[in-house]
Amino acid sequence: YLSCFEMKILSHLRDEKYCEDRCQLGRKQIS
């Protein structure tokens, strides 16, 4: 698994849902 390429290939497959799943600041992960 090589993140830089895997994530961009995933972004093509996920299309608009890719951004929906990214970050989600303060919702999925909290410090």
PDB file of all heavy atoms in Angstrom:
ATOM      1  N   TYR A   1       0.870  -1.183   0.000  1.00  0.00           N
ATOM      2  CA  TYR A   1       0.000   0.000   0.000  1.00  0.00           C
ATOM      3  C   TYR A   1       0.900   1.224   0.000  1.00  0.00           C
ATOM      4  O   TYR A   1       1.720   1.398   0.904  1.00  0.00           O
ATOM      5  CB  TYR A   1      -0.901   0.003   1.237  1.00  0.00           C
ATOM      6  CG  TYR A   1      -1.794   1.219   1.352  1.00  0.00           C
ATOM      7  CD1 TYR A   1      -3.079   1.206   0.829  1.00  0.00           C
ATOM      8  CD2 TYR A   1      -1.344   2.376   1.994  1.00  0.00           C
ATOM      9  CE1 TYR A   1      -3.903   2.327   0.932  1.00  0.00           C
ATOM     10  CE2 TYR A   1      -2.159   3.492   2.099  1.00  0.00           C
ATOM     11  CZ  TYR A   1      -3.433   3.456   1.571  1.00  0.00           C
ATOM     12  OH  TYR A   1      -4.233   4.564   1.674  1.00  0.00           O
ATOM     13  N   LEU A   2       0.777   2.061  -1.011  1.00  0.00           N
ATOM     14  CA  LEU A   2       1.560   3.291  -1.130  1.00  0.00           C
ATOM     15  C   LEU A   2       0.574   4.445  -1.193  1.00  0.00           C
ATOM     16  O   LEU A   2      -0.081   4.682  -2.213  1.00  0.00           O
ATOM     17  CB  LEU A   2       2.439   3.234  -2.377  1.00  0.00           C
ATOM     18  CG  LEU A   2       3.401   4.391  -2.615  1.00  0.00           C
ATOM     19  CD1 LEU A   2       4.315   4.614  -1.415  1.00  0.00           C
ATOM     20  CD2 LEU A   2       4.245   4.129  -3.857  1.00  0.00           C
ATOM     21  N   SER A   3       0.456   5.172  -0.083  1.00  0.00           N
ATOM     22  CA  SER A   3      -0.655   6.091   0.121  1.00  0.00           C
ATOM     23  C   SER A   3      -0.848   7.113  -0.995  1.00  0.00           C
ATOM     24  O   SER A   3      -1.975   7.386  -1.408  1.00  0.00           O
ATOM     25  CB  SER A   3      -0.476   6.829   1.447  1.00  0.00           C
ATOM     26  OG  SER A   3       0.657   7.699   1.394  1.00  0.00           O
ATOM     27  N   CYS A   4       0.247   7.706  -1.480  1.00  0.00           N
ATOM     28  CA  CYS A   4       0.099   8.813  -2.428  1.00  0.00           C
ATOM     29  C   CYS A   4      -0.678   8.392  -3.670  1.00  0.00           C
ATOM     30  O   CYS A   4      -1.525   9.149  -4.179  1.00  0.00           O
ATOM     31  CB  CYS A   4       1.472   9.369  -2.803  1.00  0.00           C
ATOM     32  SG  CYS A   4       2.647   8.147  -3.392  1.00  0.00           S
ATOM     33  N   PHE A   5      -0.429   7.187  -4.173  1.00  0.00           N
ATOM     34  CA  PHE A   5      -1.125   6.728  -5.369  1.00  0.00           C
ATOM     35  C   PHE A   5      -2.453   6.045  -5.039  1.00  0.00           C
ATOM     36  O   PHE A   5      -3.447   6.221  -5.748  1.00  0.00           O
ATOM     37  CB  PHE A   5      -0.239   5.777  -6.167  1.00  0.00           C
ATOM     38  CG  PHE A   5       1.001   6.430  -6.726  1.00  0.00           C
ATOM     39  CD1 PHE A   5       2.206   5.764  -6.739  1.00  0.00           C
ATOM     40  CD2 PHE A   5       0.963   7.731  -7.215  1.00  0.00           C
ATOM     41  CE1 PHE A   5       3.356   6.364  -7.246  1.00  0.00           C
ATOM     42  CE2 PHE A   5       2.099   8.347  -7.720  1.00  0.00           C
ATOM     43  CZ  PHE A   5       3.302   7.659  -7.734  1.00  0.00           C
ATOM     44  N   GLU A   6      -2.471   5.274  -3.962  1.00  0.00           N
ATOM     45  CA  GLU A   6      -3.706   4.548  -3.614  1.00  0.00           C
ATOM     46  C   GLU A   6      -4.866   5.522  -3.387  1.00  0.00           C
ATOM     47  O   GLU A   6      -5.990   5.283  -3.843  1.00  0.00           O
ATOM     48  CB  GLU A   6      -3.514   3.699  -2.348  1.00  0.00           C
ATOM     49  CG  GLU A   6      -2.252   2.866  -2.287  1.00  0.00           C
ATOM     50  CD  GLU A   6      -2.183   1.740  -3.299  1.00  0.00           C
ATOM     51  OE1 GLU A   6      -3.105   1.587  -4.121  1.00  0.00           O
ATOM     52  OE2 GLU A   6      -1.187   1.003  -3.269  1.00  0.00           O
ATOM     53  N   MET A   7      -4.590   6.626  -2.689  1.00  0.00           N
ATOM     54  CA  MET A   7      -5.669   7.553  -2.368  1.00  0.00           C
ATOM     55  C   MET A   7      -6.187   8.269  -3.614  1.00  0.00           C
ATOM     56  O   MET A   7      -7.388   8.538  -3.729  1.00  0.00           O
ATOM     57  CB  MET A   7      -5.192   8.579  -1.340  1.00  0.00           C
ATOM     58  CG  MET A   7      -4.907   7.994   0.035  1.00  0.00           C
ATOM     59  SD  MET A   7      -6.307   7.081   0.734  1.00  0.00           S
ATOM     60  CE  MET A   7      -7.497   8.394   0.935  1.00  0.00           C
ATOM     61  N   LYS A   8      -5.311   8.549  -4.565  1.00  0.00           N
ATOM     62  CA  LYS A   8      -5.770   9.233  -5.774  1.00  0.00           C
ATOM     63  C   LYS A   8      -6.518   8.288  -6.705  1.00  0.00           C
ATOM     64  O   LYS A   8      -7.449   8.695  -7.408  1.00  0.00           O
ATOM     65  CB  LYS A   8      -4.590   9.893  -6.492  1.00  0.00           C
ATOM     66  CG  LYS A   8      -4.037  11.072  -5.730  1.00  0.00           C
ATOM     67  CD  LYS A   8      -5.156  12.038  -5.343  1.00  0.00           C
ATOM     68  CE  LYS A   8      -4.763  12.998  -4.249  1.00  0.00           C
ATOM     69  NZ  LYS A   8      -5.929  13.719  -3.706  1.00  0.00           N
ATOM     70  N   ILE A   9      -6.127   7.025  -6.717  1.00  0.00           N
ATOM     71  CA  ILE A   9      -6.902   6.034  -7.471  1.00  0.00           C
ATOM     72  C   ILE A   9      -8.280   5.878  -6.825  1.00  0.00           C
ATOM     73  O   ILE A   9      -9.308   5.821  -7.515  1.00  0.00           O
ATOM     74  CB  ILE A   9      -6.154   4.686  -7.521  1.00  0.00           C
ATOM     75  CG1 ILE A   9      -4.869   4.844  -8.355  1.00  0.00           C
ATOM     76  CG2 ILE A   9      -7.037   3.593  -8.112  1.00  0.00           C
ATOM     77  CD1 ILE A   9      -3.928   3.661  -8.278  1.00  0.00           C
ATOM     78  N   LEU A  10      -8.303   5.855  -5.501  1.00  0.00           N
ATOM     79  CA  LEU A  10      -9.576   5.784  -4.782  1.00  0.00           C
ATOM     80  C   LEU A  10     -10.442   6.991  -5.089  1.00  0.00           C
ATOM     81  O   LEU A  10     -11.670   6.865  -5.228  1.00  0.00           O
ATOM     82  CB  LEU A  10      -9.315   5.697  -3.275  1.00  0.00           C
ATOM     83  CG  LEU A  10     -10.547   5.695  -2.374  1.00  0.00           C
ATOM     84  CD1 LEU A  10     -11.375   4.436  -2.604  1.00  0.00           C
ATOM     85  CD2 LEU A  10     -10.137   5.796  -0.901  1.00  0.00           C
ATOM     86  N   SER A  11      -9.835   8.156  -5.210  1.00  0.00           N
ATOM     87  CA  SER A  11     -10.617   9.372  -5.479  1.00  0.00           C
ATOM     88  C   SER A  11     -11.345   9.273  -6.817  1.00  0.00           C
ATOM     89  O   SER A  11     -12.434   9.834  -6.986  1.00  0.00           O
ATOM     90  CB  SER A  11      -9.716  10.610  -5.447  1.00  0.00           C
ATOM     91  OG  SER A  11      -8.887  10.686  -6.598  1.00  0.00           O
ATOM     92  N   HIS A  12     -10.760   8.575  -7.779  1.00  0.00           N
ATOM     93  CA  HIS A  12     -11.429   8.368  -9.070  1.00  0.00           C
ATOM     94  C   HIS A  12     -12.619   7.429  -8.897  1.00  0.00           C
ATOM     95  O   HIS A  12     -13.704   7.669  -9.452  1.00  0.00           O
ATOM     96  CB  HIS A  12     -10.448   7.769 -10.079  1.00  0.00           C
ATOM     97  CG  HIS A  12     -11.090   7.285 -11.338  1.00  0.00           C
ATOM     98  ND1 HIS A  12     -11.609   8.150 -12.285  1.00  0.00           N
ATOM     99  CD2 HIS A  12     -11.334   6.028 -11.794  1.00  0.00           C
ATOM    100  CE1 HIS A  12     -12.130   7.440 -13.278  1.00  0.00           C
ATOM    101  NE2 HIS A  12     -11.977   6.153 -13.000  1.00  0.00           N
ATOM    102  N   LEU A  13     -12.424   6.389  -8.125  1.00  0.00           N
ATOM    103  CA  LEU A  13     -13.492   5.398  -7.931  1.00  0.00           C
ATOM    104  C   LEU A  13     -14.626   5.945  -7.072  1.00  0.00           C
ATOM    105  O   LEU A  13     -15.790   5.616  -7.294  1.00  0.00           O
ATOM    106  CB  LEU A  13     -12.912   4.133  -7.289  1.00  0.00           C
ATOM    107  CG  LEU A  13     -11.827   3.404  -8.103  1.00  0.00           C
ATOM    108  CD1 LEU A  13     -11.241   2.256  -7.300  1.00  0.00           C
ATOM    109  CD2 LEU A  13     -12.393   2.894  -9.416  1.00  0.00           C
ATOM    110  N   ARG A  14     -14.284   6.809  -6.099  1.00  0.00           N
ATOM    111  CA  ARG A  14     -15.301   7.333  -5.189  1.00  0.00           C
ATOM    112  C   ARG A  14     -15.976   8.593  -5.719  1.00  0.00           C
ATOM    113  O   ARG A  14     -17.076   8.927  -5.296  1.00  0.00           O
ATOM    114  CB  ARG A  14     -14.656   7.651  -3.834  1.00  0.00           C
ATOM    115  CG  ARG A  14     -14.129   6.436  -3.091  1.00  0.00           C
ATOM    116  CD  ARG A  14     -15.224   5.638  -2.473  1.00  0.00           C
ATOM    117  NE  ARG A  14     -15.840   6.343  -1.356  1.00  0.00           N
ATOM    118  CZ  ARG A  14     -16.987   5.984  -0.785  1.00  0.00           C
ATOM    119  NH1 ARG A  14     -17.648   4.944  -1.250  1.00  0.00           N
ATOM    120  NH2 ARG A  14     -17.482   6.668   0.227  1.00  0.00           N
ATOM    121  N   ASP A  15     -15.307   9.323  -6.589  1.00  0.00           N
ATOM    122  CA  ASP A  15     -15.814  10.559  -7.172  1.00  0.00           C
ATOM    123  C   ASP A  15     -16.251  11.524  -6.064  1.00  0.00           C
ATOM    124  O   ASP A  15     -15.472  11.808  -5.171  1.00  0.00           O
ATOM    125  CB  ASP A  15     -16.947  10.255  -8.149  1.00  0.00           C
ATOM    126  CG  ASP A  15     -17.275  11.451  -9.044  1.00  0.00           C
ATOM    127  OD1 ASP A  15     -16.340  12.194  -9.395  1.00  0.00           O
ATOM    128  OD2 ASP A  15     -18.448  11.649  -9.370  1.00  0.00           O
ATOM    129  N   GLU A  16     -17.476  12.018  -6.093  1.00  0.00           N
ATOM    130  CA  GLU A  16     -17.912  13.029  -5.122  1.00  0.00           C
ATOM    131  C   GLU A  16     -17.866  12.520  -3.688  1.00  0.00           C
ATOM    132  O   GLU A  16     -17.690  13.305  -2.753  1.00  0.00           O
ATOM    133  CB  GLU A  16     -19.331  13.501  -5.455  1.00  0.00           C
ATOM    134  CG  GLU A  16     -19.422  14.303  -6.747  1.00  0.00           C
ATOM    135  CD  GLU A  16     -20.830  14.815  -6.994  1.00  0.00           C
ATOM    136  OE1 GLU A  16     -21.681  14.633  -6.102  1.00  0.00           O
ATOM    137  OE2 GLU A  16     -21.064  15.407  -8.054  1.00  0.00           O
ATOM    138  N   LYS A  17     -18.014  11.224  -3.500  1.00  0.00           N
ATOM    139  CA  LYS A  17     -18.018  10.674  -2.145  1.00  0.00           C
ATOM    140  C   LYS A  17     -16.626  10.702  -1.519  1.00  0.00           C
ATOM    141  O   LYS A  17     -16.490  10.566  -0.301  1.00  0.00           O
ATOM    142  CB  LYS A  17     -18.563   9.248  -2.162  1.00  0.00           C
ATOM    143  CG  LYS A  17     -20.040   9.175  -2.505  1.00  0.00           C
ATOM    144  CD  LYS A  17     -20.561   7.753  -2.426  1.00  0.00           C
ATOM    145  CE  LYS A  17     -22.052   7.703  -2.742  1.00  0.00           C
ATOM    146  NZ  LYS A  17     -22.576   6.320  -2.676  1.00  0.00           N
ATOM    147  N   TYR A  18     -15.598  10.860  -2.335  1.00  0.00           N
ATOM    148  CA  TYR A  18     -14.231  10.909  -1.807  1.00  0.00           C
ATOM    149  C   TYR A  18     -14.083  12.082  -0.841  1.00  0.00           C
ATOM    150  O   TYR A  18     -13.594  11.914   0.277  1.00  0.00           O
ATOM    151  CB  TYR A  18     -13.230  11.042  -2.955  1.00  0.00           C
ATOM    152  CG  TYR A  18     -11.799  11.234  -2.512  1.00  0.00           C
ATOM    153  CD1 TYR A  18     -11.066  10.173  -1.992  1.00  0.00           C
ATOM    154  CD2 TYR A  18     -11.173  12.481  -2.609  1.00  0.00           C
ATOM    155  CE1 TYR A  18      -9.755  10.338  -1.584  1.00  0.00           C
ATOM    156  CE2 TYR A  18      -9.856  12.657  -2.202  1.00  0.00           C
ATOM    157  CZ  TYR A  18      -9.155  11.581  -1.692  1.00  0.00           C
ATOM    158  OH  TYR A  18      -7.850  11.759  -1.286  1.00  0.00           O
ATOM    159  N   CYS A  19     -14.505  13.256  -1.253  1.00  0.00           N
ATOM    160  CA  CYS A  19     -14.397  14.432  -0.386  1.00  0.00           C
ATOM    161  C   CYS A  19     -15.305  14.320   0.833  1.00  0.00           C
ATOM    162  O   CYS A  19     -14.989  14.831   1.906  1.00  0.00           O
ATOM    163  CB  CYS A  19     -14.709  15.705  -1.166  1.00  0.00           C
ATOM    164  SG  CYS A  19     -13.357  16.228  -2.253  1.00  0.00           S
ATOM    165  N   GLU A  20     -16.431  13.652   0.664  1.00  0.00           N
ATOM    166  CA  GLU A  20     -17.348  13.477   1.790  1.00  0.00           C
ATOM    167  C   GLU A  20     -16.702  12.667   2.907  1.00  0.00           C
ATOM    168  O   GLU A  20     -16.973  12.868   4.083  1.00  0.00           O
ATOM    169  CB  GLU A  20     -18.625  12.767   1.325  1.00  0.00           C
ATOM    170  CG  GLU A  20     -19.512  13.606   0.428  1.00  0.00           C
ATOM    171  CD  GLU A  20     -20.710  12.824  -0.085  1.00  0.00           C
ATOM    172  OE1 GLU A  20     -20.940  11.702   0.414  1.00  0.00           O
ATOM    173  OE2 GLU A  20     -21.409  13.316  -0.992  1.00  0.00           O
ATOM    174  N   ASP A  21     -15.836  11.719   2.513  1.00  0.00           N
ATOM    175  CA  ASP A  21     -15.209  10.838   3.499  1.00  0.00           C
ATOM    176  C   ASP A  21     -13.921  11.412   4.082  1.00  0.00           C
ATOM    177  O   ASP A  21     -13.380  10.882   5.045  1.00  0.00           O
ATOM    178  CB  ASP A  21     -14.888   9.481   2.859  1.00  0.00           C
ATOM    179  CG  ASP A  21     -16.145   8.711   2.485  1.00  0.00           C
ATOM    180  OD1 ASP A  21     -17.199   9.006   3.072  1.00  0.00           O
ATOM    181  OD2 ASP A  21     -16.070   7.835   1.614  1.00  0.00           O
ATOM    182  N   ARG A  22     -13.393  12.479   3.478  1.00  0.00           N
ATOM    183  CA  ARG A  22     -12.134  13.039   3.927  1.00  0.00           C
ATOM    184  C   ARG A  22     -12.333  13.971   5.128  1.00  0.00           C
ATOM    185  O   ARG A  22     -13.319  14.691   5.214  1.00  0.00           O
ATOM    186  CB  ARG A  22     -11.480  13.838   2.788  1.00  0.00           C
ATOM    187  CG  ARG A  22     -11.082  13.001   1.590  1.00  0.00           C
ATOM    188  CD  ARG A  22      -9.928  12.096   1.879  1.00  0.00           C
ATOM    189  NE  ARG A  22      -8.717  12.856   2.145  1.00  0.00           N
ATOM    190  CZ  ARG A  22      -7.626  12.327   2.680  1.00  0.00           C
ATOM    191  NH1 ARG A  22      -7.609  11.068   3.027  1.00  0.00           N
ATOM    192  NH2 ARG A  22      -6.556  13.071   2.866  1.00  0.00           N
ATOM    193  N   CYS A  23     -11.408  13.921   6.032  1.00  0.00           N
ATOM    194  CA  CYS A  23     -11.290  14.864   7.151  1.00  0.00           C
ATOM    195  C   CYS A  23     -12.491  14.822   8.102  1.00  0.00           C
ATOM    196  O   CYS A  23     -12.387  14.257   9.176  1.00  0.00           O
ATOM    197  CB  CYS A  23     -11.065  16.283   6.632  1.00  0.00           C
ATOM    198  SG  CYS A  23     -10.560  17.448   7.932  1.00  0.00           S
ATOM    199  N   GLN A  24     -13.633  15.395   7.719  1.00  0.00           N
ATOM    200  CA  GLN A  24     -14.789  15.497   8.612  1.00  0.00           C
ATOM    201  C   GLN A  24     -14.344  16.013   9.983  1.00  0.00           C
ATOM    202  O   GLN A  24     -14.485  15.354  11.009  1.00  0.00           O
ATOM    203  CB  GLN A  24     -15.502  14.156   8.731  1.00  0.00           C
ATOM    204  CG  GLN A  24     -16.070  13.671   7.416  1.00  0.00           C
ATOM    205  CD  GLN A  24     -17.057  12.543   7.564  1.00  0.00           C
ATOM    206  OE1 GLN A  24     -17.539  12.253   8.667  1.00  0.00           O
ATOM    207  NE2 GLN A  24     -17.382  11.898   6.471  1.00  0.00           N
ATOM    208  N   LEU A  25     -13.810  17.191   9.966  1.00  0.00           N
ATOM    209  CA  LEU A  25     -13.145  17.797  11.112  1.00  0.00           C
ATOM    210  C   LEU A  25     -13.991  17.742  12.381  1.00  0.00           C
ATOM    211  O   LEU A  25     -15.099  18.258  12.431  1.00  0.00           O
ATOM    212  CB  LEU A  25     -12.802  19.250  10.770  1.00  0.00           C
ATOM    213  CG  LEU A  25     -11.744  19.944  11.606  1.00  0.00           C
ATOM    214  CD1 LEU A  25     -10.415  19.220  11.485  1.00  0.00           C
ATOM    215  CD2 LEU A  25     -11.599  21.389  11.161  1.00  0.00           C
ATOM    216  N   GLY A  26     -13.468  17.084  13.390  1.00  0.00           N
ATOM    217  CA  GLY A  26     -14.127  17.019  14.684  1.00  0.00           C
ATOM    218  C   GLY A  26     -15.257  16.023  14.775  1.00  0.00           C
ATOM    219  O   GLY A  26     -15.876  15.893  15.835  1.00  0.00           O
ATOM    220  N   ARG A  27     -15.540  15.305  13.696  1.00  0.00           N
ATOM    221  CA  ARG A  27     -16.676  14.377  13.727  1.00  0.00           C
ATOM    222  C   ARG A  27     -16.239  12.935  13.979  1.00  0.00           C
ATOM    223  O   ARG A  27     -16.793  12.254  14.835  1.00  0.00           O
ATOM    224  CB  ARG A  27     -17.469  14.465  12.426  1.00  0.00           C
ATOM    225  CG  ARG A  27     -18.405  15.688  12.385  1.00  0.00           C
ATOM    226  CD  ARG A  27     -19.111  15.801  11.058  1.00  0.00           C
ATOM    227  NE  ARG A  27     -18.309  16.540  10.084  1.00  0.00           N
ATOM    228  CZ  ARG A  27     -18.720  16.801   8.851  1.00  0.00           C
ATOM    229  NH1 ARG A  27     -19.896  16.373   8.445  1.00  0.00           N
ATOM    230  NH2 ARG A  27     -17.955  17.496   8.030  1.00  0.00           N
ATOM    231  N   LYS A  28     -15.250  12.478  13.243  1.00  0.00           N
ATOM    232  CA  LYS A  28     -14.829  11.086  13.389  1.00  0.00           C
ATOM    233  C   LYS A  28     -13.653  10.922  14.349  1.00  0.00           C
ATOM    234  O   LYS A  28     -13.505   9.891  14.979  1.00  0.00           O
ATOM    235  CB  LYS A  28     -14.446  10.497  12.022  1.00  0.00           C
ATOM    236  CG  LYS A  28     -15.637  10.204  11.122  1.00  0.00           C
ATOM    237  CD  LYS A  28     -15.190   9.438   9.894  1.00  0.00           C
ATOM    238  CE  LYS A  28     -16.387   9.025   9.039  1.00  0.00           C
ATOM    239  NZ  LYS A  28     -15.963   8.247   7.853  1.00  0.00           N
ATOM    240  N   GLN A  29     -12.806  11.929  14.406  1.00  0.00           N
ATOM    241  CA  GLN A  29     -11.607  11.828  15.227  1.00  0.00           C
ATOM    242  C   GLN A  29     -11.410  13.114  16.012  1.00  0.00           C
ATOM    243  O   GLN A  29     -11.516  14.209  15.458  1.00  0.00           O
ATOM    244  CB  GLN A  29     -10.391  11.555  14.340  1.00  0.00           C
ATOM    245  CG  GLN A  29      -9.129  11.249  15.126  1.00  0.00           C
ATOM    246  CD  GLN A  29      -8.103  10.526  14.278  1.00  0.00           C
ATOM    247  OE1 GLN A  29      -8.406   9.561  13.603  1.00  0.00           O
ATOM    248  NE2 GLN A  29      -6.866  11.000  14.322  1.00  0.00           N
ATOM    249  N   ILE A  30     -11.107  12.965  17.293  1.00  0.00           N
ATOM    250  CA  ILE A  30     -10.937  14.114  18.181  1.00  0.00           C
ATOM    251  C   ILE A  30      -9.609  13.985  18.905  1.00  0.00           C
ATOM    252  O   ILE A  30      -9.213  12.895  19.319  1.00  0.00           O
ATOM    253  CB  ILE A  30     -12.097  14.189  19.195  1.00  0.00           C
ATOM    254  CG1 ILE A  30     -13.423  14.471  18.471  1.00  0.00           C
ATOM    255  CG2 ILE A  30     -11.837  15.256  20.253  1.00  0.00           C
ATOM    256  CD1 ILE A  30     -14.632  14.431  19.368  1.00  0.00           C
ATOM    257  N   SER A  31      -8.904  15.103  19.042  1.00  0.00           N
ATOM    258  CA  SER A  31      -7.639  15.114  19.767  1.00  0.00           C
ATOM    259  C   SER A  31      -7.860  15.517  21.223  1.00  0.00           C
ATOM    260  O   SER A  31      -8.619  16.448  21.513  1.00  0.00           O
ATOM    261  CB  SER A  31      -6.662  16.094  19.111  1.00  0.00           C
ATOM    262  OG  SER A  31      -6.085  15.530  17.952  1.00  0.00           O
TER     263      SER A  31
END
